[in-house]
Every structure is written in structure tokens, then in C-alpha cells.
Amino acid sequence: MEKFSVLEGVAAPIKQVNVDTDMIIPKQYLKTIKRTGLGMGLFAEKRYRDDGSENPDFVLNKPAYRKAKILVAGDNFGCGSSREHAPWALADFGIRCVISTSFGDIFYNNCFKNGILPIRVSPDDLDKLFDDADRGANATLTIDLAKQEIRGPDGGVVTFEVDSFRKHCLLNGLDDIGLTMVKAGKIDSYEAKAKAARPWA
């Protein structure tokens, strides 16, 4: 998993509340278990018209936001079904951070396991960040995980809370498999002792 330390980039505003995981990545994209290629399906029912052409009114199709790395989103982002394809699609598109007042619990947990930082902020702070995001490519946000700060283009700072273990995992690029592999030496030692003690097993 890619490490997350400091992220600087354009933030795209998605002001709709209760954006569920089916909106993030529609069901027809769930046939694959690959984590790559899903970026094309991100918000597909909003990004594309029925004929497959782009919807120019959708935020991620606007020139200023085509390479957004951050989403500033309405309340209860990522609610609905538990599909892990939702953070996979965000990451494949290039989104590494989502900021909202609240998240669906399973989506929130899945983000951390896939290198995405979900940040909870107050409604007042979210309004300020929407103002920054509305400025498009003329304004970028800086997300500093170590300092737990969101720095705006005009010098404003929003602090946020994050669980210390999850912070450690993101800073070091450790998903569940990575956490296990950190203990590879101890695992190998145990397996060698077990084999010596029970050679017939």
C-alpha cells in the first residue's frame, strides 16, 4: 500500500449528502476483483450520459477537477453497501483523501485499508473547505497526516482527529497483509519450531 504523509492537490466539491457506494461505483463494475481500472467507473452514472459521452456538468469532468486528489463531500459519504470497490475506484482515479462531516462506517474502515485518508470535520470547517474547493485549480489543499492538519490556500488551518493505529498504518503504507508481513521473521521462526516439534504433521 502506498504511504500517506503529505498530500497536496486540487479538492473537488461534491455537495450532495448521503452519497452511497452504489453512486461511487455502480453495481455493474463489481464483476472484477482487480483494484485497477475502476477509476473509469467512479461516479459513472453522474459522469457519463446514456450514450457514454461525458456529462460536462459533473464536477470531475470539469477541467479544473480532472486531476483532483481530494474530495470535499456532503454528510454521510459512502453510506450503503459494503463494497470495497468504492475505495478502489477512488484510489484508481487518484483520490487519496475524502473530507466530510460523517461517513458510512464500512466505507470509512475500507478507506484506511486501501491507502485513502477519510477525514471528519465540523460542519463549519466543511463549509470553509467547500469554499476553497469551489475555487478549482486556483486553490489547492495540503493534507498533513503527521500533523493532522488541512492547510488551505490562504494559510487557514483545520485540524482533525485520527486513530493513532490507523495513522501509523497509513504513514507506513501498511494494509492488513503488510501488518502481517512486518512479523514475517517471527512467523518463520514459529513455523520452523512447529515443524521440528511435529515432523509428521
C-alpha atoms as a PDB file:
ATOM      1  CA  MET A   1       0.000   0.000   0.000  1.00  0.00           C
ATOM      2  CA  GLU A   2       1.285   3.460  -0.885  1.00  0.00           C
ATOM      3  CA  LYS A   3       2.386   5.516   2.106  1.00  0.00           C
ATOM      4  CA  PHE A   4       0.429   8.631   3.011  1.00  0.00           C
ATOM      5  CA  SER A   5       2.356  11.511   4.561  1.00  0.00           C
ATOM      6  CA  VAL A   6       1.654  14.903   2.967  1.00  0.00           C
ATOM      7  CA  LEU A   7      -0.815  15.251   0.114  1.00  0.00           C
ATOM      8  CA  GLU A   8      -1.161  18.461  -1.860  1.00  0.00           C
ATOM      9  CA  GLY A   9      -3.692  18.801  -4.609  1.00  0.00           C
ATOM     10  CA  VAL A  10      -6.927  20.144  -6.003  1.00  0.00           C
ATOM     11  CA  ALA A  11     -10.039  19.330  -3.996  1.00  0.00           C
ATOM     12  CA  ALA A  12     -13.259  18.609  -5.872  1.00  0.00           C
ATOM     13  CA  PRO A  13     -16.521  19.612  -4.147  1.00  0.00           C
ATOM     14  CA  ILE A  14     -19.357  17.070  -4.076  1.00  0.00           C
ATOM     15  CA  LYS A  15     -22.025  18.802  -2.016  1.00  0.00           C
ATOM     16  CA  GLN A  16     -24.652  16.093  -2.236  1.00  0.00           C
ATOM     17  CA  VAL A  17     -25.442  14.356   1.071  1.00  0.00           C
ATOM     18  CA  ASN A  18     -25.863  10.590   1.507  1.00  0.00           C
ATOM     19  CA  VAL A  19     -23.678   9.655  -1.453  1.00  0.00           C
ATOM     20  CA  ASP A  20     -23.815   5.871  -1.259  1.00  0.00           C
ATOM     21  CA  THR A  21     -21.339   3.302  -2.509  1.00  0.00           C
ATOM     22  CA  ASP A  22     -23.574   2.432  -5.476  1.00  0.00           C
ATOM     23  CA  MET A  23     -23.225   6.015  -6.652  1.00  0.00           C
ATOM     24  CA  ILE A  24     -19.467   5.912  -6.069  1.00  0.00           C
ATOM     25  CA  ILE A  25     -19.088   2.712  -8.121  1.00  0.00           C
ATOM     26  CA  PRO A  26     -22.255   1.273  -9.711  1.00  0.00           C
ATOM     27  CA  LYS A  27     -23.033  -2.436  -9.416  1.00  0.00           C
ATOM     28  CA  GLN A  28     -22.072  -3.321 -12.993  1.00  0.00           C
ATOM     29  CA  TYR A  29     -18.418  -2.660 -12.101  1.00  0.00           C
ATOM     30  CA  LEU A  30     -18.382  -5.227  -9.292  1.00  0.00           C
ATOM     31  CA  LYS A  31     -17.607  -8.181 -11.567  1.00  0.00           C
ATOM     32  CA  THR A  32     -13.863  -7.729 -11.129  1.00  0.00           C
ATOM     33  CA  ILE A  33     -11.683  -8.291  -8.082  1.00  0.00           C
ATOM     34  CA  LYS A  34      -8.852  -6.256  -9.599  1.00  0.00           C
ATOM     35  CA  ARG A  35      -8.152  -2.918  -7.964  1.00  0.00           C
ATOM     36  CA  THR A  36      -7.064  -1.300 -11.213  1.00  0.00           C
ATOM     37  CA  GLY A  37      -9.253   0.087 -13.972  1.00  0.00           C
ATOM     38  CA  LEU A  38     -12.140   1.025 -11.689  1.00  0.00           C
ATOM     39  CA  GLY A  39     -11.364   4.732 -11.894  1.00  0.00           C
ATOM     40  CA  MET A  40     -13.255   4.844 -15.188  1.00  0.00           C
ATOM     41  CA  GLY A  41     -16.382   3.697 -13.355  1.00  0.00           C
ATOM     42  CA  LEU A  42     -16.100   6.177 -10.498  1.00  0.00           C
ATOM     43  CA  PHE A  43     -19.424   8.055 -10.258  1.00  0.00           C
ATOM     44  CA  ALA A  44     -20.227   6.570 -13.682  1.00  0.00           C
ATOM     45  CA  GLU A  45     -23.941   7.351 -13.556  1.00  0.00           C
ATOM     46  CA  LYS A  46     -23.119  11.001 -12.873  1.00  0.00           C
ATOM     47  CA  ARG A  47     -20.032  11.313 -15.075  1.00  0.00           C
ATOM     48  CA  TYR A  48     -21.482   9.815 -18.243  1.00  0.00           C
ATOM     49  CA  ARG A  49     -24.642  10.270 -20.276  1.00  0.00           C
ATOM     50  CA  ASP A  50     -26.711   7.352 -21.524  1.00  0.00           C
ATOM     51  CA  ASP A  51     -24.787   7.370 -24.839  1.00  0.00           C
ATOM     52  CA  GLY A  52     -21.453   7.037 -22.993  1.00  0.00           C
ATOM     53  CA  SER A  53     -20.334  10.616 -23.537  1.00  0.00           C
ATOM     54  CA  GLU A  54     -19.150  12.716 -20.619  1.00  0.00           C
ATOM     55  CA  ASN A  55     -21.588  14.851 -18.675  1.00  0.00           C
ATOM     56  CA  PRO A  56     -19.880  18.272 -18.723  1.00  0.00           C
ATOM     57  CA  ASP A  57     -21.835  19.391 -15.654  1.00  0.00           C
ATOM     58  CA  PHE A  58     -20.346  16.749 -13.337  1.00  0.00           C
ATOM     59  CA  VAL A  59     -17.559  18.150 -11.209  1.00  0.00           C
ATOM     60  CA  LEU A  60     -14.872  15.577 -12.074  1.00  0.00           C
ATOM     61  CA  ASN A  61     -15.393  16.241 -15.797  1.00  0.00           C
ATOM     62  CA  LYS A  62     -14.644  19.937 -15.421  1.00  0.00           C
ATOM     63  CA  PRO A  63     -11.093  20.884 -16.461  1.00  0.00           C
ATOM     64  CA  ALA A  64     -10.167  22.235 -13.025  1.00  0.00           C
ATOM     65  CA  TYR A  65     -11.016  18.961 -11.288  1.00  0.00           C
ATOM     66  CA  ARG A  66      -9.947  16.241 -13.717  1.00  0.00           C
ATOM     67  CA  LYS A  67      -6.839  15.523 -11.655  1.00  0.00           C
ATOM     68  CA  ALA A  68      -8.352  16.115  -8.217  1.00  0.00           C
ATOM     69  CA  LYS A  69      -6.655  14.208  -5.392  1.00  0.00           C
ATOM     70  CA  ILE A  70      -9.111  15.217  -2.666  1.00  0.00           C
ATOM     71  CA  LEU A  71     -12.901  15.166  -2.359  1.00  0.00           C
ATOM     72  CA  VAL A  72     -14.793  17.564  -0.108  1.00  0.00           C
ATOM     73  CA  ALA A  73     -18.131  15.842   0.302  1.00  0.00           C
ATOM     74  CA  GLY A  74     -21.549  16.239   1.910  1.00  0.00           C
ATOM     75  CA  ASP A  75     -22.671  14.461   5.068  1.00  0.00           C
ATOM     76  CA  ASN A  76     -22.763  10.663   5.315  1.00  0.00           C
ATOM     77  CA  PHE A  77     -20.449   9.971   2.385  1.00  0.00           C
ATOM     78  CA  GLY A  78     -20.001   6.304   1.492  1.00  0.00           C
ATOM     79  CA  CYS A  79     -23.179   5.010   3.099  1.00  0.00           C
ATOM     80  CA  GLY A  80     -24.978   1.968   1.717  1.00  0.00           C
ATOM     81  CA  SER A  81     -23.488  -1.398   0.784  1.00  0.00           C
ATOM     82  CA  SER A  82     -20.099  -2.580   1.978  1.00  0.00           C
ATOM     83  CA  ARG A  83     -18.421  -2.888  -1.435  1.00  0.00           C
ATOM     84  CA  GLU A  84     -14.659  -2.408  -1.185  1.00  0.00           C
ATOM     85  CA  HIS A  85     -14.728  -1.432  -4.848  1.00  0.00           C
ATOM     86  CA  ALA A  86     -15.728   2.081  -3.711  1.00  0.00           C
ATOM     87  CA  PRO A  87     -12.326   2.989  -2.233  1.00  0.00           C
ATOM     88  CA  TRP A  88     -10.634   1.005  -5.022  1.00  0.00           C
ATOM     89  CA  ALA A  89     -12.353   3.223  -7.615  1.00  0.00           C
ATOM     90  CA  LEU A  90     -11.462   6.417  -5.750  1.00  0.00           C
ATOM     91  CA  ALA A  91      -7.818   5.370  -5.449  1.00  0.00           C
ATOM     92  CA  ASP A  92      -7.609   4.294  -9.095  1.00  0.00           C
ATOM     93  CA  PHE A  93      -8.946   7.690 -10.160  1.00  0.00           C
ATOM     94  CA  GLY A  94      -6.301   9.378  -7.986  1.00  0.00           C
ATOM     95  CA  ILE A  95      -8.330  10.385  -4.924  1.00  0.00           C
ATOM     96  CA  ARG A  96      -6.255   9.857  -1.750  1.00  0.00           C
ATOM     97  CA  CYS A  97      -8.362  11.825   0.740  1.00  0.00           C
ATOM     98  CA  VAL A  98     -12.080  12.388   1.349  1.00  0.00           C
ATOM     99  CA  ILE A  99     -13.275  15.086   3.744  1.00  0.00           C
ATOM    100  CA  SER A 100     -16.795  15.149   5.178  1.00  0.00           C
ATOM    101  CA  THR A 101     -18.668  15.558   8.441  1.00  0.00           C
ATOM    102  CA  SER A 102     -19.551  11.856   8.522  1.00  0.00           C
ATOM    103  CA  PHE A 103     -19.063   8.587   6.646  1.00  0.00           C
ATOM    104  CA  GLY A 104     -20.669   5.206   6.300  1.00  0.00           C
ATOM    105  CA  ASP A 105     -18.852   3.027   8.846  1.00  0.00           C
ATOM    106  CA  ILE A 106     -17.768   0.234   6.499  1.00  0.00           C
ATOM    107  CA  PHE A 107     -16.647   2.650   3.791  1.00  0.00           C
ATOM    108  CA  TYR A 108     -14.677   4.604   6.425  1.00  0.00           C
ATOM    109  CA  ASN A 109     -12.854   1.451   7.552  1.00  0.00           C
ATOM    110  CA  ASN A 110     -12.228   0.297   3.979  1.00  0.00           C
ATOM    111  CA  CYS A 111     -10.587   3.609   3.092  1.00  0.00           C
ATOM    112  CA  PHE A 112      -7.815   3.137   5.632  1.00  0.00           C
ATOM    113  CA  LYS A 113      -7.164  -0.375   4.345  1.00  0.00           C
ATOM    114  CA  ASN A 114      -6.699   0.953   0.814  1.00  0.00           C
ATOM    115  CA  GLY A 115      -4.447   3.963   1.368  1.00  0.00           C
ATOM    116  CA  ILE A 116      -7.177   6.617   1.469  1.00  0.00           C
ATOM    117  CA  LEU A 117      -7.484   9.051   4.378  1.00  0.00           C
ATOM    118  CA  PRO A 118     -11.107   9.832   5.326  1.00  0.00           C
ATOM    119  CA  ILE A 119     -11.233  12.979   7.478  1.00  0.00           C
ATOM    120  CA  ARG A 120     -14.155  14.001   9.663  1.00  0.00           C
ATOM    121  CA  VAL A 121     -14.569  17.746  10.228  1.00  0.00           C
ATOM    122  CA  SER A 122     -17.198  20.002  11.765  1.00  0.00           C
ATOM    123  CA  PRO A 123     -19.975  21.463   9.595  1.00  0.00           C
ATOM    124  CA  ASP A 124     -18.388  24.928   9.880  1.00  0.00           C
ATOM    125  CA  ASP A 125     -14.991  23.628   8.762  1.00  0.00           C
ATOM    126  CA  LEU A 126     -16.616  21.719   5.917  1.00  0.00           C
ATOM    127  CA  ASP A 127     -18.218  24.949   4.680  1.00  0.00           C
ATOM    128  CA  LYS A 128     -14.802  26.633   4.670  1.00  0.00           C
ATOM    129  CA  LEU A 129     -13.302  23.739   2.744  1.00  0.00           C
ATOM    130  CA  PHE A 130     -16.155  23.829   0.234  1.00  0.00           C
ATOM    131  CA  ASP A 131     -15.292  27.496  -0.343  1.00  0.00           C
ATOM    132  CA  ASP A 132     -11.694  26.513  -1.069  1.00  0.00           C
ATOM    133  CA  ALA A 133     -12.730  23.615  -3.302  1.00  0.00           C
ATOM    134  CA  ASP A 134     -15.086  25.845  -5.295  1.00  0.00           C
ATOM    135  CA  ARG A 135     -12.032  27.792  -6.473  1.00  0.00           C
ATOM    136  CA  GLY A 136     -10.832  24.837  -8.517  1.00  0.00           C
ATOM    137  CA  ALA A 137      -7.268  24.683  -9.761  1.00  0.00           C
ATOM    138  CA  ASN A 138      -6.675  28.202  -8.416  1.00  0.00           C
ATOM    139  CA  ALA A 139      -6.553  26.769  -4.902  1.00  0.00           C
ATOM    140  CA  THR A 140      -5.060  23.591  -3.521  1.00  0.00           C
ATOM    141  CA  LEU A 141      -5.355  21.940  -0.137  1.00  0.00           C
ATOM    142  CA  THR A 142      -2.470  20.353   1.735  1.00  0.00           C
ATOM    143  CA  ILE A 143      -3.243  17.347   3.940  1.00  0.00           C
ATOM    144  CA  ASP A 144      -0.526  16.701   6.531  1.00  0.00           C
ATOM    145  CA  LEU A 145      -1.254  13.402   8.240  1.00  0.00           C
ATOM    146  CA  ALA A 146       1.639  13.573  10.706  1.00  0.00           C
ATOM    147  CA  LYS A 147       0.497  16.983  11.971  1.00  0.00           C
ATOM    148  CA  GLN A 148      -3.196  16.140  11.459  1.00  0.00           C
ATOM    149  CA  GLU A 149      -3.756  19.396   9.586  1.00  0.00           C
ATOM    150  CA  ILE A 150      -5.590  20.549   6.484  1.00  0.00           C
ATOM    151  CA  ARG A 151      -3.922  23.717   5.179  1.00  0.00           C
ATOM    152  CA  GLY A 152      -5.878  25.947   2.852  1.00  0.00           C
ATOM    153  CA  PRO A 153      -4.545  28.126   0.026  1.00  0.00           C
ATOM    154  CA  ASP A 154      -4.874  31.296   2.121  1.00  0.00           C
ATOM    155  CA  GLY A 155      -2.999  29.949   5.131  1.00  0.00           C
ATOM    156  CA  GLY A 156      -6.014  28.749   7.103  1.00  0.00           C
ATOM    157  CA  VAL A 157      -5.578  25.525   9.068  1.00  0.00           C
ATOM    158  CA  VAL A 158      -8.174  22.916  10.035  1.00  0.00           C
ATOM    159  CA  THR A 159      -7.048  20.237  12.477  1.00  0.00           C
ATOM    160  CA  PHE A 160      -8.541  16.761  12.534  1.00  0.00           C
ATOM    161  CA  GLU A 161      -8.530  13.654  14.688  1.00  0.00           C
ATOM    162  CA  VAL A 162      -7.472  10.212  13.504  1.00  0.00           C
ATOM    163  CA  ASP A 163      -6.991   6.938  15.349  1.00  0.00           C
ATOM    164  CA  SER A 164      -3.293   6.518  16.205  1.00  0.00           C
ATOM    165  CA  PHE A 165      -3.088   2.942  14.891  1.00  0.00           C
ATOM    166  CA  ARG A 166      -4.713   3.851  11.584  1.00  0.00           C
ATOM    167  CA  LYS A 167      -2.435   6.863  11.326  1.00  0.00           C
ATOM    168  CA  HIS A 168       0.596   4.611  11.866  1.00  0.00           C
ATOM    169  CA  CYS A 169      -0.603   2.224   9.157  1.00  0.00           C
ATOM    170  CA  LEU A 170      -1.156   4.973   6.583  1.00  0.00           C
ATOM    171  CA  LEU A 171       2.142   6.723   7.324  1.00  0.00           C
ATOM    172  CA  ASN A 172       3.980   3.418   6.843  1.00  0.00           C
ATOM    173  CA  GLY A 173       1.902   2.065   3.964  1.00  0.00           C
ATOM    174  CA  LEU A 174       0.666  -0.955   5.907  1.00  0.00           C
ATOM    175  CA  ASP A 175      -2.541  -2.692   4.896  1.00  0.00           C
ATOM    176  CA  ASP A 176      -3.684  -5.915   6.618  1.00  0.00           C
ATOM    177  CA  ILE A 177      -1.204  -8.024   4.628  1.00  0.00           C
ATOM    178  CA  GLY A 178       1.579  -5.537   5.279  1.00  0.00           C
ATOM    179  CA  LEU A 179       0.884  -5.662   9.010  1.00  0.00           C
ATOM    180  CA  THR A 180       1.233  -9.431   8.888  1.00  0.00           C
ATOM    181  CA  MET A 181       4.454  -9.285   6.854  1.00  0.00           C
ATOM    182  CA  VAL A 182       6.048  -6.988   9.436  1.00  0.00           C
ATOM    183  CA  LYS A 183       6.067 -10.092  11.651  1.00  0.00           C
ATOM    184  CA  ALA A 184       7.421 -12.388   8.926  1.00  0.00           C
ATOM    185  CA  GLY A 185      10.538 -13.215  10.947  1.00  0.00           C
ATOM    186  CA  LYS A 186       8.520 -14.321  13.966  1.00  0.00           C
ATOM    187  CA  ILE A 187       6.124 -16.291  11.768  1.00  0.00           C
ATOM    188  CA  ASP A 188       9.005 -18.123  10.060  1.00  0.00           C
ATOM    189  CA  SER A 189      10.596 -18.866  13.439  1.00  0.00           C
ATOM    190  CA  TYR A 190       7.337 -20.291  14.793  1.00  0.00           C
ATOM    191  CA  GLU A 191       6.782 -22.416  11.699  1.00  0.00           C
ATOM    192  CA  ALA A 192      10.324 -23.823  11.912  1.00  0.00           C
ATOM    193  CA  LYS A 193       9.872 -24.738  15.588  1.00  0.00           C
ATOM    194  CA  ALA A 194       6.468 -26.285  14.898  1.00  0.00           C
ATOM    195  CA  LYS A 195       7.864 -28.375  12.057  1.00  0.00           C
ATOM    196  CA  ALA A 196      10.756 -29.600  14.244  1.00  0.00           C
ATOM    197  CA  ALA A 197       8.385 -30.476  17.065  1.00  0.00           C
ATOM    198  CA  ARG A 198       5.891 -32.269  14.817  1.00  0.00           C
ATOM    199  CA  PRO A 199       7.783 -33.510  11.712  1.00  0.00           C
ATOM    200  CA  TRP A 200       4.905 -35.853  10.880  1.00  0.00           C
ATOM    201  CA  ALA A 201       2.387 -33.004  10.551  1.00  0.00           C
END
